[in-house]
């Protein structure tokens, strides 16, 4: 597949990440998170060099979680067991206030969204961040959350989550 093609999450892919769907395996969820609002295949390969992207992307495309823009669709590789649906947990929603995006509530929501996508809502870090009520508690929980994201995804994603959360906290 051409490394300049654009990859984007579909509405189904967005739901998987942000509404705790957890119907795909963790490696596929990691790819969905890394794609964000759109990225090229080359950039994704740079972000996730240790994953078998061609197979996993094919599985995500077949499942309707991503779309490939800017190129004729290439033949999809055979499905991988890593992308087979997992048993979905009971529906849960991350706490979210209307219009949040800056301040403590926005920073907390960003970290909770990231944790739910990468570590799940049953993680101790998710629970600790859910209970945050002030900036000091947030900073303490953020350190724990960064360690968890670095362990389950990558140190780069952990640093990115922390930087975005701090920007929202200050903004």
N, C-alpha and C. Protein backbone atom coordinates (compact mmCIF):
# COMPACT_ATOMS: atom_id res chain seq x y z
N UNK A 1 0.86 -1.17 0.00
CA UNK A 1 0.00 0.00 0.00
C UNK A 1 0.91 1.23 0.00
N UNK A 2 0.53 2.26 -0.72
CA UNK A 2 1.28 3.51 -0.83
C UNK A 2 1.32 4.21 0.53
N UNK A 3 2.52 4.63 0.96
CA UNK A 3 2.65 5.26 2.28
C UNK A 3 2.06 6.66 2.35
N UNK A 4 1.68 7.23 1.20
CA UNK A 4 1.10 8.58 1.23
C UNK A 4 -0.43 8.57 1.34
N UNK A 5 -1.06 7.39 1.34
CA UNK A 5 -2.52 7.35 1.47
C UNK A 5 -2.93 7.85 2.85
N UNK A 6 -4.08 8.50 2.88
CA UNK A 6 -4.63 9.01 4.13
C UNK A 6 -5.49 7.94 4.78
N UNK A 7 -5.30 7.75 6.07
CA UNK A 7 -6.13 6.85 6.86
C UNK A 7 -6.98 7.71 7.79
N UNK A 8 -8.23 7.35 7.94
CA UNK A 8 -9.12 8.10 8.82
C UNK A 8 -10.08 7.15 9.51
N UNK A 9 -10.42 7.49 10.74
CA UNK A 9 -11.43 6.71 11.47
C UNK A 9 -12.80 6.99 10.88
N UNK A 10 -13.61 5.98 10.83
CA UNK A 10 -15.02 6.15 10.47
C UNK A 10 -15.78 6.47 11.75
N UNK A 11 -17.07 6.70 11.63
CA UNK A 11 -17.89 6.94 12.82
C UNK A 11 -17.81 5.72 13.75
N UNK A 12 -17.79 4.53 13.17
CA UNK A 12 -17.69 3.31 13.98
C UNK A 12 -16.34 3.26 14.70
N UNK A 13 -15.26 3.67 14.03
CA UNK A 13 -13.95 3.71 14.66
C UNK A 13 -13.89 4.73 15.78
N UNK A 14 -14.54 5.87 15.56
CA UNK A 14 -14.60 6.91 16.59
C UNK A 14 -15.35 6.39 17.82
N UNK A 15 -16.45 5.72 17.60
CA UNK A 15 -17.23 5.13 18.70
C UNK A 15 -16.39 4.12 19.47
N UNK A 16 -15.62 3.32 18.77
CA UNK A 16 -14.77 2.31 19.42
C UNK A 16 -13.80 2.97 20.40
N UNK A 17 -13.25 4.10 20.02
CA UNK A 17 -12.27 4.78 20.87
C UNK A 17 -12.94 5.57 21.99
N UNK A 18 -13.93 6.36 21.67
CA UNK A 18 -14.44 7.32 22.63
C UNK A 18 -15.66 6.89 23.42
N UNK A 19 -16.31 5.82 23.05
CA UNK A 19 -17.48 5.38 23.80
C UNK A 19 -17.30 4.01 24.40
N UNK A 20 -16.06 3.66 24.68
CA UNK A 20 -15.71 2.41 25.35
C UNK A 20 -16.34 1.18 24.72
N UNK A 21 -16.37 1.14 23.39
CA UNK A 21 -16.91 -0.01 22.69
C UNK A 21 -16.07 -1.25 22.95
N UNK A 22 -14.78 -1.11 22.83
CA UNK A 22 -13.83 -2.20 23.06
C UNK A 22 -14.26 -3.50 22.38
N UNK A 23 -14.56 -3.41 21.10
CA UNK A 23 -14.94 -4.62 20.36
C UNK A 23 -13.79 -5.15 19.53
N UNK A 24 -12.67 -4.42 19.46
CA UNK A 24 -11.50 -4.91 18.74
C UNK A 24 -10.37 -5.13 19.73
N UNK A 25 -9.39 -5.89 19.31
CA UNK A 25 -8.24 -6.20 20.15
C UNK A 25 -7.42 -4.95 20.45
N UNK A 26 -6.63 -4.98 21.52
CA UNK A 26 -5.84 -3.81 21.91
C UNK A 26 -4.91 -3.25 20.82
N UNK A 27 -4.28 -4.09 20.02
CA UNK A 27 -3.40 -3.58 18.97
C UNK A 27 -4.19 -2.79 17.93
N UNK A 28 -5.38 -3.24 17.62
CA UNK A 28 -6.23 -2.51 16.67
C UNK A 28 -6.71 -1.21 17.29
N UNK A 29 -7.04 -1.22 18.59
CA UNK A 29 -7.45 0.00 19.28
C UNK A 29 -6.29 0.99 19.30
N UNK A 30 -5.07 0.48 19.48
CA UNK A 30 -3.89 1.33 19.47
C UNK A 30 -3.74 2.02 18.11
N UNK A 31 -4.01 1.29 17.05
CA UNK A 31 -3.94 1.87 15.70
C UNK A 31 -5.02 2.93 15.54
N UNK A 32 -6.24 2.63 15.97
CA UNK A 32 -7.32 3.61 15.86
C UNK A 32 -6.97 4.90 16.61
N UNK A 33 -6.39 4.75 17.79
CA UNK A 33 -6.01 5.92 18.56
C UNK A 33 -4.91 6.70 17.84
N UNK A 34 -3.94 6.00 17.26
CA UNK A 34 -2.82 6.66 16.58
C UNK A 34 -3.27 7.37 15.30
N UNK A 35 -4.29 6.86 14.65
CA UNK A 35 -4.77 7.49 13.41
C UNK A 35 -5.35 8.87 13.72
N UNK A 36 -6.00 9.01 14.85
CA UNK A 36 -6.55 10.32 15.22
C UNK A 36 -7.57 10.77 14.20
N UNK A 37 -7.50 12.05 13.83
CA UNK A 37 -8.44 12.61 12.86
C UNK A 37 -7.96 12.40 11.43
N UNK A 38 -6.87 11.69 11.27
CA UNK A 38 -6.34 11.42 9.94
C UNK A 38 -4.83 11.45 9.97
N UNK A 39 -4.23 10.53 9.27
CA UNK A 39 -2.77 10.45 9.16
C UNK A 39 -2.43 9.67 7.92
N UNK A 40 -1.20 9.78 7.48
CA UNK A 40 -0.77 8.98 6.33
C UNK A 40 -0.27 7.64 6.82
N UNK A 41 -0.25 6.68 5.93
CA UNK A 41 0.26 5.36 6.28
C UNK A 41 1.73 5.47 6.69
N UNK A 42 2.49 6.31 6.00
CA UNK A 42 3.91 6.48 6.35
C UNK A 42 4.09 7.00 7.76
N UNK A 43 3.28 7.99 8.15
CA UNK A 43 3.36 8.54 9.51
C UNK A 43 2.95 7.48 10.54
N UNK A 44 1.95 6.69 10.21
CA UNK A 44 1.51 5.63 11.11
C UNK A 44 2.60 4.58 11.28
N UNK A 45 3.28 4.24 10.20
CA UNK A 45 4.39 3.28 10.28
C UNK A 45 5.51 3.83 11.18
N UNK A 46 5.74 5.14 11.12
CA UNK A 46 6.75 5.75 11.98
C UNK A 46 6.33 5.70 13.45
N UNK A 47 5.03 5.92 13.72
CA UNK A 47 4.52 5.90 15.09
C UNK A 47 4.51 4.50 15.69
N UNK A 48 4.16 3.52 14.86
CA UNK A 48 3.97 2.15 15.35
C UNK A 48 4.82 1.17 14.53
N UNK A 49 6.15 1.28 14.64
CA UNK A 49 7.01 0.47 13.78
C UNK A 49 6.98 -1.03 14.09
N UNK A 50 6.55 -1.42 15.28
CA UNK A 50 6.60 -2.83 15.67
C UNK A 50 5.31 -3.61 15.42
N UNK A 51 4.33 -2.98 14.80
CA UNK A 51 3.06 -3.67 14.52
C UNK A 51 3.00 -4.11 13.07
N UNK A 52 2.33 -5.20 12.82
CA UNK A 52 2.08 -5.71 11.47
C UNK A 52 0.90 -4.92 10.92
N UNK A 53 1.19 -3.71 10.45
CA UNK A 53 0.13 -2.77 10.08
C UNK A 53 -0.72 -3.21 8.91
N UNK A 54 -0.12 -3.80 7.89
CA UNK A 54 -0.92 -4.14 6.71
C UNK A 54 -2.08 -5.07 7.07
N UNK A 55 -1.80 -6.09 7.85
CA UNK A 55 -2.85 -7.03 8.23
C UNK A 55 -3.88 -6.38 9.15
N UNK A 56 -3.38 -5.66 10.18
CA UNK A 56 -4.29 -5.05 11.14
C UNK A 56 -5.15 -3.95 10.49
N UNK A 57 -4.55 -3.16 9.60
CA UNK A 57 -5.32 -2.13 8.89
C UNK A 57 -6.38 -2.76 7.99
N UNK A 58 -6.03 -3.87 7.36
CA UNK A 58 -7.01 -4.58 6.54
C UNK A 58 -8.19 -5.05 7.37
N UNK A 59 -7.89 -5.57 8.57
CA UNK A 59 -8.95 -6.02 9.46
C UNK A 59 -9.84 -4.85 9.89
N UNK A 60 -9.20 -3.72 10.23
CA UNK A 60 -9.97 -2.55 10.64
C UNK A 60 -10.82 -2.00 9.50
N UNK A 61 -10.27 -2.02 8.30
CA UNK A 61 -11.03 -1.53 7.14
C UNK A 61 -12.22 -2.44 6.85
N UNK A 62 -11.99 -3.74 6.87
CA UNK A 62 -13.09 -4.68 6.65
C UNK A 62 -14.18 -4.56 7.71
N UNK A 63 -13.77 -4.26 8.93
CA UNK A 63 -14.73 -4.11 10.03
C UNK A 63 -15.46 -2.78 10.02
N UNK A 64 -15.04 -1.87 9.12
CA UNK A 64 -15.71 -0.58 9.03
C UNK A 64 -15.21 0.44 10.04
N UNK A 65 -14.04 0.21 10.65
CA UNK A 65 -13.51 1.13 11.66
C UNK A 65 -12.66 2.25 11.05
N UNK A 66 -12.08 1.99 9.86
CA UNK A 66 -11.26 3.00 9.20
C UNK A 66 -11.61 3.06 7.73
N UNK A 67 -11.22 4.17 7.11
CA UNK A 67 -11.34 4.28 5.66
C UNK A 67 -10.02 4.77 5.12
N UNK A 68 -9.73 4.37 3.90
CA UNK A 68 -8.50 4.76 3.23
C UNK A 68 -8.87 5.75 2.15
N UNK A 69 -8.24 6.92 2.22
CA UNK A 69 -8.56 8.00 1.26
C UNK A 69 -7.36 8.25 0.36
N UNK A 70 -7.61 8.71 -0.84
CA UNK A 70 -6.55 9.17 -1.72
C UNK A 70 -5.87 8.10 -2.53
N UNK A 71 -6.40 6.90 -2.59
CA UNK A 71 -5.80 5.84 -3.41
C UNK A 71 -6.87 4.80 -3.70
N UNK A 72 -6.64 4.09 -4.79
CA UNK A 72 -7.55 2.98 -5.09
C UNK A 72 -7.35 1.92 -4.02
N UNK A 73 -8.41 1.33 -3.52
CA UNK A 73 -8.26 0.33 -2.47
C UNK A 73 -7.40 -0.83 -2.95
N UNK A 74 -6.41 -1.17 -2.14
CA UNK A 74 -5.54 -2.30 -2.44
C UNK A 74 -6.22 -3.56 -1.93
N UNK A 75 -5.82 -4.71 -2.47
CA UNK A 75 -6.39 -5.94 -1.93
C UNK A 75 -6.07 -6.05 -0.45
N UNK A 76 -7.05 -6.44 0.33
CA UNK A 76 -6.86 -6.52 1.77
C UNK A 76 -6.22 -7.85 2.16
N UNK A 77 -5.28 -7.82 3.12
CA UNK A 77 -4.68 -9.06 3.58
C UNK A 77 -5.70 -9.90 4.34
N UNK A 78 -5.35 -11.13 4.58
CA UNK A 78 -6.25 -12.03 5.30
C UNK A 78 -6.39 -11.58 6.74
N UNK A 79 -7.53 -11.87 7.37
CA UNK A 79 -7.76 -11.43 8.75
C UNK A 79 -6.73 -12.00 9.71
N UNK A 80 -6.47 -11.24 10.74
CA UNK A 80 -5.54 -11.65 11.78
C UNK A 80 -6.32 -11.98 13.04
N UNK A 81 -5.87 -12.97 13.81
CA UNK A 81 -6.57 -13.26 15.07
C UNK A 81 -6.50 -12.09 16.04
N UNK A 82 -5.51 -11.21 15.90
CA UNK A 82 -5.37 -10.07 16.81
C UNK A 82 -6.53 -9.10 16.69
N UNK A 83 -7.21 -9.08 15.55
CA UNK A 83 -8.30 -8.13 15.38
C UNK A 83 -9.67 -8.76 15.60
N UNK A 84 -9.69 -10.02 15.96
CA UNK A 84 -10.98 -10.67 16.21
C UNK A 84 -11.69 -9.95 17.34
N UNK A 85 -12.99 -9.79 17.26
CA UNK A 85 -13.70 -9.06 18.30
C UNK A 85 -13.54 -9.72 19.66
N UNK A 86 -13.37 -8.90 20.66
CA UNK A 86 -13.33 -9.37 22.03
C UNK A 86 -14.75 -9.28 22.57
N UNK A 87 -15.01 -9.94 23.67
CA UNK A 87 -16.32 -9.82 24.29
C UNK A 87 -16.45 -8.42 24.85
N UNK A 88 -17.42 -7.66 24.38
CA UNK A 88 -17.52 -6.28 24.86
C UNK A 88 -17.94 -6.22 26.32
N UNK A 89 -17.37 -5.27 27.08
CA UNK A 89 -17.78 -5.10 28.48
C UNK A 89 -19.13 -4.39 28.53
N UNK A 90 -19.74 -4.35 29.71
CA UNK A 90 -21.00 -3.61 29.82
C UNK A 90 -20.77 -2.16 29.42
N UNK A 91 -21.80 -1.55 28.85
CA UNK A 91 -21.67 -0.16 28.38
C UNK A 91 -21.34 0.75 29.55
N UNK A 92 -20.36 1.64 29.31
CA UNK A 92 -19.98 2.63 30.30
C UNK A 92 -19.62 3.89 29.54
N UNK A 93 -19.85 5.01 30.17
CA UNK A 93 -19.48 6.25 29.51
C UNK A 93 -18.57 7.03 30.42
N UNK A 94 -17.58 7.67 29.83
CA UNK A 94 -16.67 8.50 30.60
C UNK A 94 -17.41 9.76 31.04
N UNK A 95 -17.13 10.20 32.26
CA UNK A 95 -17.78 11.44 32.70
C UNK A 95 -17.38 12.58 31.77
N UNK A 96 -18.34 13.36 31.36
CA UNK A 96 -18.05 14.45 30.43
C UNK A 96 -19.09 15.55 30.64
N UNK A 97 -18.60 16.74 30.84
CA UNK A 97 -19.50 17.88 31.01
C UNK A 97 -19.70 18.55 29.66
N UNK A 98 -20.85 19.17 29.48
CA UNK A 98 -21.14 19.84 28.21
C UNK A 98 -20.16 20.98 27.99
N UNK A 99 -19.60 21.05 26.80
CA UNK A 99 -18.74 22.15 26.43
C UNK A 99 -17.35 22.11 27.04
N UNK A 100 -16.95 21.01 27.66
CA UNK A 100 -15.63 21.03 28.27
C UNK A 100 -14.54 20.88 27.23
N UNK A 101 -13.40 21.35 27.50
CA UNK A 101 -12.30 21.31 26.58
C UNK A 101 -11.10 21.98 27.21
N UNK A 102 -11.34 22.89 28.15
CA UNK A 102 -10.25 23.57 28.84
C UNK A 102 -10.50 23.45 30.34
N UNK A 103 -9.48 23.69 31.11
CA UNK A 103 -9.60 23.61 32.55
C UNK A 103 -9.50 22.19 33.05
N UNK A 104 -9.72 22.04 34.33
CA UNK A 104 -9.57 20.73 34.98
C UNK A 104 -10.51 19.68 34.36
N UNK A 105 -11.76 20.05 34.11
CA UNK A 105 -12.71 19.09 33.56
C UNK A 105 -12.29 18.60 32.17
N UNK A 106 -11.81 19.51 31.32
CA UNK A 106 -11.37 19.13 29.98
C UNK A 106 -10.13 18.27 30.01
N UNK A 107 -9.18 18.63 30.88
CA UNK A 107 -7.95 17.85 31.00
C UNK A 107 -8.27 16.45 31.52
N UNK A 108 -9.13 16.38 32.51
CA UNK A 108 -9.53 15.09 33.09
C UNK A 108 -10.24 14.23 32.04
N UNK A 109 -11.14 14.83 31.27
CA UNK A 109 -11.87 14.08 30.24
C UNK A 109 -10.92 13.56 29.17
N UNK A 110 -9.92 14.36 28.80
CA UNK A 110 -8.95 13.92 27.80
C UNK A 110 -8.19 12.69 28.29
N UNK A 111 -7.72 12.74 29.53
CA UNK A 111 -6.98 11.61 30.09
C UNK A 111 -7.89 10.38 30.20
N UNK A 112 -9.12 10.57 30.63
CA UNK A 112 -10.05 9.44 30.74
C UNK A 112 -10.35 8.82 29.37
N UNK A 113 -10.51 9.65 28.35
CA UNK A 113 -10.74 9.13 26.99
C UNK A 113 -9.54 8.29 26.54
N UNK A 114 -8.35 8.81 26.78
CA UNK A 114 -7.14 8.10 26.38
C UNK A 114 -7.02 6.79 27.13
N UNK A 115 -7.22 6.83 28.44
CA UNK A 115 -7.13 5.61 29.24
C UNK A 115 -8.17 4.58 28.84
N UNK A 116 -9.39 5.02 28.60
CA UNK A 116 -10.44 4.06 28.24
C UNK A 116 -10.10 3.38 26.92
N UNK A 117 -9.48 4.12 26.00
CA UNK A 117 -9.12 3.55 24.71
C UNK A 117 -7.97 2.57 24.81
N UNK A 118 -7.03 2.84 25.68
CA UNK A 118 -5.81 2.04 25.71
C UNK A 118 -5.74 1.04 26.86
N UNK A 119 -6.30 1.38 28.00
CA UNK A 119 -6.17 0.50 29.16
C UNK A 119 -7.52 0.00 29.67
N UNK A 120 -8.59 0.62 29.24
CA UNK A 120 -9.92 0.20 29.68
C UNK A 120 -10.39 0.99 30.88
N UNK A 121 -11.67 0.90 31.14
CA UNK A 121 -12.28 1.67 32.21
C UNK A 121 -12.16 0.99 33.57
N UNK A 122 -11.64 -0.22 33.60
CA UNK A 122 -11.48 -0.93 34.87
C UNK A 122 -10.08 -0.77 35.45
N UNK A 123 -9.24 -0.03 34.77
CA UNK A 123 -7.88 0.20 35.24
C UNK A 123 -7.88 1.06 36.50
N UNK A 124 -6.96 0.78 37.45
CA UNK A 124 -6.86 1.61 38.64
C UNK A 124 -6.55 3.07 38.30
N UNK A 125 -5.79 3.30 37.25
CA UNK A 125 -5.48 4.67 36.83
C UNK A 125 -6.74 5.39 36.38
N UNK A 126 -7.62 4.69 35.65
CA UNK A 126 -8.88 5.29 35.21
C UNK A 126 -9.72 5.66 36.43
N UNK A 127 -9.80 4.75 37.40
CA UNK A 127 -10.59 5.01 38.60
C UNK A 127 -10.03 6.21 39.36
N UNK A 128 -8.70 6.25 39.50
CA UNK A 128 -8.09 7.36 40.23
C UNK A 128 -8.36 8.70 39.53
N UNK A 129 -8.22 8.73 38.20
CA UNK A 129 -8.48 9.96 37.46
C UNK A 129 -9.96 10.33 37.54
N UNK A 130 -10.85 9.36 37.58
CA UNK A 130 -12.29 9.61 37.68
C UNK A 130 -12.65 10.31 38.98
N UNK A 131 -11.85 10.08 40.02
CA UNK A 131 -12.14 10.63 41.34
C UNK A 131 -11.49 11.99 41.58
N UNK A 132 -10.74 12.50 40.61
CA UNK A 132 -10.04 13.77 40.77
C UNK A 132 -11.01 14.93 40.94
N UNK A 133 -10.73 15.80 41.93
CA UNK A 133 -11.57 16.97 42.15
C UNK A 133 -10.80 18.28 42.17
N UNK A 134 -9.46 18.20 42.23
CA UNK A 134 -8.66 19.43 42.26
C UNK A 134 -7.36 19.24 41.47
N UNK A 135 -6.65 20.34 41.26
CA UNK A 135 -5.44 20.32 40.43
C UNK A 135 -4.35 19.45 41.04
N UNK A 136 -4.20 19.46 42.37
CA UNK A 136 -3.17 18.63 42.99
C UNK A 136 -3.47 17.15 42.78
N UNK A 137 -4.71 16.77 42.97
CA UNK A 137 -5.12 15.38 42.73
C UNK A 137 -4.94 15.00 41.27
N UNK A 138 -5.22 15.97 40.38
CA UNK A 138 -5.06 15.71 38.95
C UNK A 138 -3.61 15.41 38.62
N UNK A 139 -2.69 16.23 39.14
CA UNK A 139 -1.27 16.03 38.83
C UNK A 139 -0.78 14.68 39.36
N UNK A 140 -1.24 14.29 40.52
CA UNK A 140 -0.86 12.99 41.09
C UNK A 140 -1.41 11.84 40.22
N UNK A 141 -2.67 11.94 39.84
CA UNK A 141 -3.28 10.90 39.01
C UNK A 141 -2.66 10.89 37.61
N UNK A 142 -2.30 12.06 37.08
CA UNK A 142 -1.72 12.14 35.74
C UNK A 142 -0.41 11.37 35.67
N UNK A 143 0.41 11.45 36.72
CA UNK A 143 1.67 10.70 36.74
C UNK A 143 1.41 9.20 36.64
N UNK A 144 0.41 8.72 37.36
CA UNK A 144 0.05 7.31 37.31
C UNK A 144 -0.48 6.94 35.92
N UNK A 145 -1.31 7.79 35.36
CA UNK A 145 -1.90 7.53 34.05
C UNK A 145 -0.82 7.50 32.96
N UNK A 146 0.14 8.39 33.06
CA UNK A 146 1.23 8.41 32.08
C UNK A 146 1.99 7.08 32.10
N UNK A 147 2.26 6.55 33.28
CA UNK A 147 2.97 5.27 33.39
C UNK A 147 2.16 4.14 32.76
N UNK A 148 0.86 4.15 32.99
CA UNK A 148 0.00 3.10 32.43
C UNK A 148 -0.02 3.18 30.90
N UNK A 149 -0.20 4.38 30.35
CA UNK A 149 -0.24 4.54 28.89
C UNK A 149 1.11 4.16 28.28
N UNK A 150 2.20 4.53 28.92
CA UNK A 150 3.52 4.16 28.42
C UNK A 150 3.68 2.64 28.40
N UNK A 151 3.12 1.96 29.39
CA UNK A 151 3.25 0.51 29.46
C UNK A 151 2.36 -0.21 28.45
N UNK A 152 1.13 0.26 28.25
CA UNK A 152 0.21 -0.45 27.36
C UNK A 152 0.27 0.02 25.91
N UNK A 153 0.77 1.21 25.68
CA UNK A 153 0.84 1.73 24.30
C UNK A 153 2.29 2.08 23.98
N UNK A 154 2.70 3.31 24.27
CA UNK A 154 4.07 3.72 24.01
C UNK A 154 4.40 4.94 24.84
N UNK A 155 5.69 5.14 25.13
CA UNK A 155 6.08 6.35 25.84
C UNK A 155 5.71 7.62 25.08
N UNK A 156 5.74 7.55 23.74
CA UNK A 156 5.37 8.70 22.93
C UNK A 156 3.90 9.06 23.15
N UNK A 157 3.02 8.06 23.13
CA UNK A 157 1.60 8.33 23.36
C UNK A 157 1.36 8.85 24.77
N UNK A 158 2.13 8.34 25.74
CA UNK A 158 1.99 8.80 27.12
C UNK A 158 2.38 10.27 27.22
N UNK A 159 3.48 10.64 26.59
CA UNK A 159 3.93 12.03 26.62
C UNK A 159 2.93 12.94 25.91
N UNK A 160 2.38 12.46 24.79
CA UNK A 160 1.39 13.24 24.05
C UNK A 160 0.13 13.45 24.88
N UNK A 161 -0.33 12.39 25.54
CA UNK A 161 -1.52 12.50 26.40
C UNK A 161 -1.27 13.52 27.51
N UNK A 162 -0.10 13.43 28.14
CA UNK A 162 0.22 14.34 29.24
C UNK A 162 0.31 15.79 28.74
N UNK A 163 0.97 16.00 27.61
CA UNK A 163 1.12 17.36 27.08
C UNK A 163 -0.24 17.97 26.74
N UNK A 164 -1.10 17.17 26.10
CA UNK A 164 -2.43 17.69 25.75
C UNK A 164 -3.26 17.96 27.00
N UNK A 165 -3.15 17.09 28.00
CA UNK A 165 -3.90 17.30 29.24
C UNK A 165 -3.43 18.56 29.95
N UNK A 166 -2.12 18.78 30.01
CA UNK A 166 -1.59 19.97 30.66
C UNK A 166 -1.96 21.24 29.91
N UNK A 167 -1.99 21.14 28.56
CA UNK A 167 -2.41 22.30 27.77
C UNK A 167 -3.86 22.63 28.06
N UNK A 168 -4.71 21.63 28.20
CA UNK A 168 -6.12 21.86 28.50
C UNK A 168 -6.29 22.38 29.92
N UNK A 169 -5.48 21.88 30.82
CA UNK A 169 -5.54 22.32 32.21
C UNK A 169 -5.20 23.81 32.31
N UNK A 170 -4.18 24.21 31.56
CA UNK A 170 -3.76 25.61 31.60
C UNK A 170 -4.62 26.50 30.75
N UNK A 171 -5.35 25.91 29.74
CA UNK A 171 -6.10 26.71 28.78
C UNK A 171 -7.48 26.89 29.23
